[in-house]
C-alpha atoms as a PDB file:
ATOM      1  CA  MET A   1      10.520 -16.665   2.077  1.00  0.00           C
ATOM      2  CA  ALA A   2       9.004 -17.506  -1.399  1.00  0.00           C
ATOM      3  CA  ASN A   3      11.153 -19.687  -3.579  1.00  0.00           C
ATOM      4  CA  LEU A   4      10.908 -17.950  -7.148  1.00  0.00           C
ATOM      5  CA  GLY A   5      12.690 -20.659  -8.924  1.00  0.00           C
ATOM      6  CA  LYS A   6      14.211 -19.301 -12.562  1.00  0.00           C
ATOM      7  CA  TRP A   7      13.069 -16.819 -14.761  1.00  0.00           C
ATOM      8  CA  TYR A   8      13.786 -15.575 -18.033  1.00  0.00           C
ATOM      9  CA  ASP A   9      15.695 -12.046 -18.322  1.00  0.00           C
ATOM     10  CA  PRO A  10      14.634 -10.394 -21.465  1.00  0.00           C
ATOM     11  CA  ILE A  11      17.661  -8.035 -21.464  1.00  0.00           C
ATOM     12  CA  SER A  12      20.485 -10.661 -21.257  1.00  0.00           C
ATOM     13  CA  GLU A  13      18.403 -13.191 -22.883  1.00  0.00           C
ATOM     14  CA  ARG A  14      19.003 -16.172 -20.672  1.00  0.00           C
ATOM     15  CA  TRP A  15      17.435 -17.771 -17.972  1.00  0.00           C
ATOM     16  CA  ILE A  16      18.250 -16.482 -14.023  1.00  0.00           C
ATOM     17  CA  VAL A  17      18.493 -19.283 -11.383  1.00  0.00           C
ATOM     18  CA  PRO A  18      18.605 -17.656  -7.792  1.00  0.00           C
ATOM     19  CA  ARG A  19      21.603 -18.609  -5.778  1.00  0.00           C
ATOM     20  CA  GLU A  20      20.663 -21.071  -2.580  1.00  0.00           C
ATOM     21  CA  THR A  21      20.310 -19.031   0.227  1.00  0.00           C
ATOM     22  CA  HIS A  22      21.008 -20.541   3.648  1.00  0.00           C
ATOM     23  CA  LEU A  23      19.899 -19.094   6.594  1.00  0.00           C
ATOM     24  CA  GLU A  24      22.557 -19.161   9.408  1.00  0.00           C
ATOM     25  CA  ALA A  25      22.055 -18.891  13.390  1.00  0.00           C
ATOM     26  CA  THR A  26      23.936 -15.716  14.542  1.00  0.00           C
ATOM     27  CA  PRO A  27      26.012 -16.702  17.512  1.00  0.00           C
ATOM     28  CA  SER A  28      25.017 -14.755  20.651  1.00  0.00           C
ATOM     29  CA  HIS A  29      28.603 -13.699  21.315  1.00  0.00           C
ATOM     30  CA  GLU A  30      28.666 -11.868  17.692  1.00  0.00           C
ATOM     31  CA  SER A  31      25.248 -10.273  18.070  1.00  0.00           C
ATOM     32  CA  GLU A  32      26.442  -9.214  21.450  1.00  0.00           C
ATOM     33  CA  ASN A  33      29.865  -7.667  19.834  1.00  0.00           C
ATOM     34  CA  HIS A  34      27.734  -6.071  17.202  1.00  0.00           C
ATOM     35  CA  VAL A  35      25.404  -3.877  19.618  1.00  0.00           C
ATOM     36  CA  LEU A  36      28.524  -3.273  21.657  1.00  0.00           C
ATOM     37  CA  GLU A  37      30.123  -1.489  18.436  1.00  0.00           C
ATOM     38  CA  LEU A  38      27.106  -0.079  17.914  1.00  0.00           C
ATOM     39  CA  GLN A  39      26.768   1.436  21.174  1.00  0.00           C
ATOM     40  CA  ARG A  40      30.366   2.837  20.788  1.00  0.00           C
ATOM     41  CA  THR A  41      29.602   4.395  17.246  1.00  0.00           C
ATOM     42  CA  ILE A  42      26.651   6.307  18.897  1.00  0.00           C
ATOM     43  CA  GLU A  43      29.146   7.537  22.018  1.00  0.00           C
ATOM     44  CA  VAL A  44      32.041   8.309  19.512  1.00  0.00           C
ATOM     45  CA  GLN A  45      29.695  10.427  17.226  1.00  0.00           C
ATOM     46  CA  ARG A  46      27.750  12.226  20.389  1.00  0.00           C
ATOM     47  CA  ILE A  47      31.498  13.357  21.511  1.00  0.00           C
ATOM     48  CA  TRP A  48      32.507  14.554  18.022  1.00  0.00           C
ATOM     49  CA  ARG A  49      29.239  16.834  18.137  1.00  0.00           C
ATOM     50  CA  ALA A  50      30.043  18.162  21.307  1.00  0.00           C
ATOM     51  CA  LEU A  51      33.320  18.776  20.367  1.00  0.00           C
ATOM     52  CA  VAL A  52      32.439  20.811  17.211  1.00  0.00           C
ATOM     53  CA  ASP A  53      29.488  22.576  19.005  1.00  0.00           C
ATOM     54  CA  SER A  54      32.397  23.657  21.596  1.00  0.00           C
ATOM     55  CA  CYS A  55      34.857  24.596  18.827  1.00  0.00           C
ATOM     56  CA  ALA A  56      31.753  26.614  16.785  1.00  0.00           C
ATOM     57  CA  ARG A  57      31.236  28.670  20.123  1.00  0.00           C
ATOM     58  CA  ASP A  58      34.740  30.055  20.446  1.00  0.00           C
END
């Protein structure tokens, strides 16, 4: 990632200094939880669509 340093904003008429960005490694258990939550969300959406489709047929 390139460090742009500070730059001048003519609208606010001030110098902008970017915040320091720290790249933190995501622990594996957090990424596993994210994957499980994503799978759960997809399954809930699939069930909801099936329910809506079955009600629309009646």
